[in-house]
Protein backbone atom coordinates (compact mmCIF):
# COMPACT_ATOMS: atom_id res chain seq x y z
CA MET A 1 -7.15 -62.04 -2.68
CA THR A 2 -7.18 -63.67 0.76
CA ALA A 3 -6.30 -67.37 0.49
CA GLY A 4 -9.37 -69.63 0.74
CA ALA A 5 -11.91 -66.82 0.32
CA LEU A 6 -14.86 -67.59 -1.95
CA ILE A 7 -16.35 -64.13 -1.34
CA GLU A 8 -14.19 -61.13 -0.45
CA LEU A 9 -15.18 -57.50 -0.03
CA GLN A 10 -12.31 -55.03 0.18
CA SER A 11 -13.06 -51.57 1.64
CA VAL A 12 -16.51 -51.54 0.06
CA SER A 13 -18.80 -48.53 0.41
CA LYS A 14 -22.15 -47.85 -1.21
CA ALA A 15 -23.98 -44.52 -1.40
CA TYR A 16 -27.31 -43.68 -3.00
CA ALA A 17 -28.45 -40.30 -4.24
CA LEU A 18 -31.32 -38.93 -2.19
CA GLY A 19 -32.18 -35.39 -3.16
CA GLU A 20 -29.03 -33.27 -3.19
CA SER A 21 -27.08 -35.38 -0.68
CA PRO A 22 -25.81 -38.95 -1.03
CA VAL A 23 -26.92 -41.41 1.65
CA ALA A 24 -24.34 -43.98 2.77
CA ALA A 25 -25.79 -47.51 2.84
CA LEU A 26 -22.44 -49.25 3.42
CA ASP A 27 -19.34 -47.71 4.92
CA ASP A 28 -15.91 -49.31 4.37
CA ILE A 29 -16.86 -53.01 4.61
CA SER A 30 -14.08 -55.58 4.43
CA VAL A 31 -14.99 -59.24 4.93
CA CYS A 32 -14.06 -62.69 3.62
CA ILE A 33 -16.38 -65.72 3.46
CA SER A 34 -14.91 -69.15 2.76
CA ALA A 35 -16.42 -72.02 0.81
CA GLY A 36 -18.90 -74.06 2.83
CA GLU A 37 -19.75 -71.37 5.39
CA PHE A 38 -23.31 -70.93 6.70
CA THR A 39 -23.39 -67.23 7.52
CA ALA A 40 -26.09 -64.83 8.71
CA ILE A 41 -26.01 -61.06 8.24
CA TRP A 42 -28.20 -59.49 10.90
CA GLY A 43 -29.08 -56.12 12.35
CA PRO A 44 -31.94 -53.60 12.44
CA SER A 45 -33.81 -52.37 9.38
CA GLY A 46 -31.66 -49.88 7.49
CA SER A 47 -28.39 -51.34 8.76
CA GLY A 48 -27.25 -52.33 5.25
CA LYS A 49 -28.01 -56.08 5.21
CA SER A 50 -29.87 -56.18 1.90
CA THR A 51 -27.41 -53.77 0.26
CA LEU A 52 -24.53 -56.05 1.25
CA LEU A 53 -26.33 -59.09 -0.20
CA ASN A 54 -27.05 -57.19 -3.41
CA LEU A 55 -23.36 -56.38 -3.83
CA ILE A 56 -22.31 -59.99 -3.20
CA GLY A 57 -25.01 -61.11 -5.66
CA LEU A 58 -23.77 -58.64 -8.30
CA ILE A 59 -27.24 -57.10 -8.44
CA ASP A 60 -25.64 -53.77 -7.56
CA SER A 61 -22.09 -52.41 -7.67
CA PRO A 62 -20.13 -50.60 -4.95
CA SER A 63 -19.42 -46.88 -5.00
CA GLN A 64 -15.93 -47.69 -3.75
CA GLY A 65 -13.93 -50.84 -3.11
CA ARG A 66 -13.81 -54.29 -4.67
CA VAL A 67 -16.13 -57.30 -4.65
CA MET A 68 -14.24 -60.52 -5.37
CA ILE A 69 -16.09 -63.74 -6.24
CA ASN A 70 -13.97 -66.88 -6.39
CA GLY A 71 -10.87 -64.79 -7.00
CA GLN A 72 -12.34 -62.60 -9.75
CA ASP A 73 -12.40 -58.85 -9.31
CA THR A 74 -15.93 -58.11 -10.49
CA ARG A 75 -15.02 -54.48 -11.28
CA THR A 76 -13.12 -55.74 -14.34
CA LEU A 77 -16.02 -57.74 -15.80
CA ASP A 78 -18.50 -56.62 -18.44
CA ASP A 79 -22.25 -57.18 -18.15
CA GLY A 80 -22.09 -60.52 -19.95
CA ALA A 81 -19.45 -61.90 -17.61
CA LEU A 82 -21.35 -60.65 -14.54
CA THR A 83 -24.52 -62.34 -15.81
CA ASP A 84 -22.58 -65.55 -16.34
CA ILE A 85 -21.40 -65.51 -12.71
CA ARG A 86 -24.96 -64.92 -11.51
CA TYR A 87 -26.23 -67.92 -13.50
CA ARG A 88 -23.34 -70.29 -12.78
CA THR A 89 -22.02 -69.37 -9.33
CA LEU A 90 -24.92 -67.74 -7.47
CA GLY A 91 -28.39 -68.86 -6.43
CA PHE A 92 -31.01 -66.58 -4.88
CA VAL A 93 -33.83 -67.16 -2.37
CA PHE A 94 -36.22 -64.27 -1.71
CA GLN A 95 -38.56 -63.66 1.21
CA ASN A 96 -41.51 -63.28 -1.19
CA TYR A 97 -40.55 -66.51 -3.04
CA ASN A 98 -40.62 -64.83 -6.52
CA LEU A 99 -42.14 -67.92 -8.14
CA VAL A 100 -43.81 -67.52 -11.53
CA PRO A 101 -47.52 -67.99 -10.76
CA VAL A 102 -48.49 -69.58 -14.10
CA LEU A 103 -45.76 -72.24 -13.88
CA SER A 104 -45.85 -75.47 -11.90
CA ALA A 105 -43.35 -76.21 -9.13
CA LEU A 106 -41.32 -78.31 -11.55
CA GLU A 107 -41.36 -75.61 -14.23
CA ASN A 108 -40.33 -72.94 -11.70
CA VAL A 109 -37.32 -75.01 -10.66
CA MET A 110 -36.42 -75.76 -14.28
CA LEU A 111 -36.53 -72.10 -15.30
CA PRO A 112 -32.93 -71.03 -14.46
CA LEU A 113 -31.56 -73.95 -16.49
CA GLN A 114 -33.82 -73.14 -19.42
CA ILE A 115 -32.70 -69.50 -19.34
CA ARG A 116 -29.13 -70.79 -19.44
CA GLY A 117 -29.93 -72.84 -22.54
CA GLU A 118 -29.73 -76.33 -21.04
CA SER A 119 -31.70 -79.13 -22.65
CA GLY A 120 -35.27 -79.67 -21.51
CA ARG A 121 -34.49 -83.25 -20.51
CA LEU A 122 -31.59 -82.25 -18.26
CA ALA A 123 -33.54 -79.36 -16.75
CA ARG A 124 -36.56 -81.58 -16.00
CA GLN A 125 -34.49 -84.34 -14.43
CA ARG A 126 -32.43 -82.03 -12.26
CA ALA A 127 -35.53 -80.10 -11.15
CA ALA A 128 -37.35 -83.32 -10.28
CA ASP A 129 -34.36 -84.53 -8.24
CA LEU A 130 -34.29 -81.27 -6.27
CA LEU A 131 -38.03 -81.29 -5.62
CA ASP A 132 -37.51 -84.79 -4.24
CA ALA A 133 -34.65 -83.50 -2.06
CA VAL A 134 -36.91 -80.83 -0.53
CA GLY A 135 -39.80 -83.26 -0.10
CA LEU A 136 -42.10 -81.90 -2.81
CA ARG A 137 -41.98 -84.42 -5.66
CA ALA A 138 -45.74 -85.03 -5.23
CA LEU A 139 -46.41 -81.32 -5.88
CA ALA A 140 -44.31 -81.12 -9.05
CA ASP A 141 -47.34 -80.27 -11.19
CA SER A 142 -48.92 -77.84 -8.70
CA ARG A 143 -48.86 -74.09 -9.17
CA PRO A 144 -47.76 -71.74 -6.37
CA ASP A 145 -51.29 -70.65 -5.48
CA LYS A 146 -52.06 -74.25 -4.49
CA MET A 147 -49.13 -74.40 -2.04
CA SER A 148 -48.56 -73.16 1.50
CA GLY A 149 -45.92 -70.55 2.25
CA GLY A 150 -43.52 -73.20 3.50
CA GLN A 151 -43.98 -75.29 0.36
CA ARG A 152 -43.41 -72.27 -1.88
CA GLN A 153 -40.20 -71.40 -0.05
CA ARG A 154 -38.98 -74.98 -0.44
CA VAL A 155 -39.61 -74.69 -4.18
CA ALA A 156 -37.61 -71.43 -4.11
CA VAL A 157 -34.71 -73.20 -2.37
CA ALA A 158 -34.80 -75.98 -4.99
CA ARG A 159 -34.79 -73.37 -7.78
CA ALA A 160 -31.79 -71.62 -6.20
CA LEU A 161 -29.85 -74.90 -6.22
CA VAL A 162 -30.77 -76.21 -9.67
CA THR A 163 -27.79 -74.58 -11.40
CA ARG A 164 -25.49 -76.16 -8.77
CA PRO A 165 -24.19 -72.80 -7.54
CA ALA A 166 -21.28 -72.47 -5.15
CA ILE A 167 -23.12 -69.71 -3.26
CA VAL A 168 -26.78 -69.27 -2.28
CA LEU A 169 -27.87 -65.82 -1.12
CA ALA A 170 -31.12 -65.52 0.81
CA ASP A 171 -32.78 -62.24 1.80
CA GLU A 172 -34.91 -62.83 4.92
CA PRO A 173 -35.82 -66.39 3.80
CA THR A 174 -38.07 -67.08 6.82
CA ALA A 175 -39.65 -63.62 7.17
CA ASN A 176 -43.09 -64.65 5.87
CA LEU A 177 -43.25 -68.05 7.58
CA ASP A 178 -44.58 -69.25 10.93
CA SER A 179 -42.17 -70.81 13.43
CA HIS A 180 -42.78 -74.39 12.25
CA ASN A 181 -42.14 -73.58 8.59
CA SER A 182 -39.22 -71.33 9.52
CA GLN A 183 -37.53 -74.22 11.31
CA MET A 184 -38.22 -76.53 8.36
CA ILE A 185 -36.54 -74.11 5.94
CA ILE A 186 -33.60 -73.57 8.32
CA ASP A 187 -33.07 -77.32 8.73
CA LEU A 188 -33.34 -77.83 4.98
CA MET A 189 -30.76 -75.16 4.15
CA ARG A 190 -28.44 -76.40 6.88
CA GLU A 191 -28.60 -79.97 5.57
CA LEU A 192 -28.00 -78.84 1.98
CA ASN A 193 -25.04 -76.82 3.23
CA ARG A 194 -23.58 -79.88 4.93
CA SER A 195 -24.41 -82.53 2.33
CA ARG A 196 -23.67 -80.53 -0.83
CA GLY A 197 -21.06 -78.05 0.43
CA VAL A 198 -23.08 -75.05 -0.73
CA THR A 199 -22.10 -71.73 0.86
CA PHE A 200 -25.16 -69.97 2.30
CA VAL A 201 -25.20 -66.24 3.12
CA PHE A 202 -28.46 -64.66 4.24
CA SER A 203 -29.92 -61.64 5.93
CA THR A 204 -32.28 -62.24 8.82
CA HIS A 205 -34.07 -60.95 11.89
CA ASP A 206 -35.02 -64.53 12.85
CA PRO A 207 -33.45 -65.75 16.14
CA GLN A 208 -34.11 -69.36 15.06
CA LEU A 209 -31.89 -68.83 12.05
CA LEU A 210 -29.18 -67.12 14.10
CA ASP A 211 -29.00 -70.15 16.39
CA SER A 212 -28.29 -72.41 13.40
CA VAL A 213 -25.43 -70.59 11.71
CA ASP A 214 -21.65 -70.93 11.87
CA ARG A 215 -21.02 -67.22 11.67
CA ARG A 216 -22.93 -64.04 12.46
CA LEU A 217 -22.07 -60.72 10.86
CA GLN A 218 -23.83 -58.03 12.89
CA MET A 219 -24.47 -54.75 11.08
CA ARG A 220 -25.35 -51.26 12.21
CA ASP A 221 -25.36 -48.01 10.23
CA GLY A 222 -23.72 -49.60 7.19
CA ARG A 223 -20.85 -51.21 9.10
CA ILE A 224 -20.06 -54.69 10.39
CA ILE A 225 -19.79 -54.13 14.14
CA ASN A 226 -19.34 -57.77 15.17
CA ASP A 227 -18.06 -60.86 13.35
CA HIS A 228 -18.88 -63.83 15.57
CA HIS A 229 -18.04 -67.45 14.75
CA HIS A 230 -20.73 -69.51 16.42
CA GLN A 231 -21.12 -73.18 17.35
CA PRO A 232 -24.67 -73.87 16.14
CA GLN A 233 -27.14 -75.91 18.07
CA GLN A 234 -27.16 -79.51 16.88
CA GLN A 235 -29.91 -79.85 14.32
CA LYS A 236 -31.58 -83.13 13.48
CA VAL A 237 -31.28 -84.15 9.86
CA PRO A 238 -34.63 -83.21 8.32
CA GLN A 239 -36.72 -85.97 6.85
CA PRO A 240 -38.38 -85.21 3.52
CA ALA A 241 -41.63 -83.54 4.45
CA SER A 242 -44.99 -84.67 3.20
CA ALA A 243 -46.12 -82.77 0.16
CA THR A 244 -49.43 -82.21 1.90
CA GLY A 245 -47.69 -80.87 4.96
CA ALA A 246 -46.58 -77.33 5.74
């Protein structure tokens, strides 16, 4: 393993069966991401962005090559060990939020801890603290259908962080948001990256998000064609937003 790498892909390829011929989604990807990075994977639709995130998130496995998470070769792990890494090391933010509609904001954020078997008291306290951090304590008892898109995505970010993961993976986290809410989510993730040391890796088409990252991995036809370390524009530290706001 490369020294200092939290995530390492070694000669990773991924092919899917489509009819009689396999279709290559990723072609010989090798990349290392260190702890604390704020990294965007970008490129046109079909370039392999989501497939790469799915492999890092252990949602899928490579056809060839190795995916290393915190020094562990995930090829050697059984399903139970892979699930444990997902719960303890990884957090996920989805473009469609994936909140449970019958649960309140607080209950949605608590859910990963409850699945993990943590006590209700710990889960409630940690979820409440994170809703406060994303400016939504006043909406703790509200269900998703009573929230705006920006508020729902902030709940999703809080849920991704409740297990205190080392890595948060986000698939097009601003895709369904207007420019104001997109900037709010970007600023929030950037501040959490800086204040809590969480490593963020996300796919995006959003130029606002690309301007805020430390590193841009540009993809085309299943390959990384450019790996650019970027000095992001200085972002103001976001103030907790009003629960009645966006």
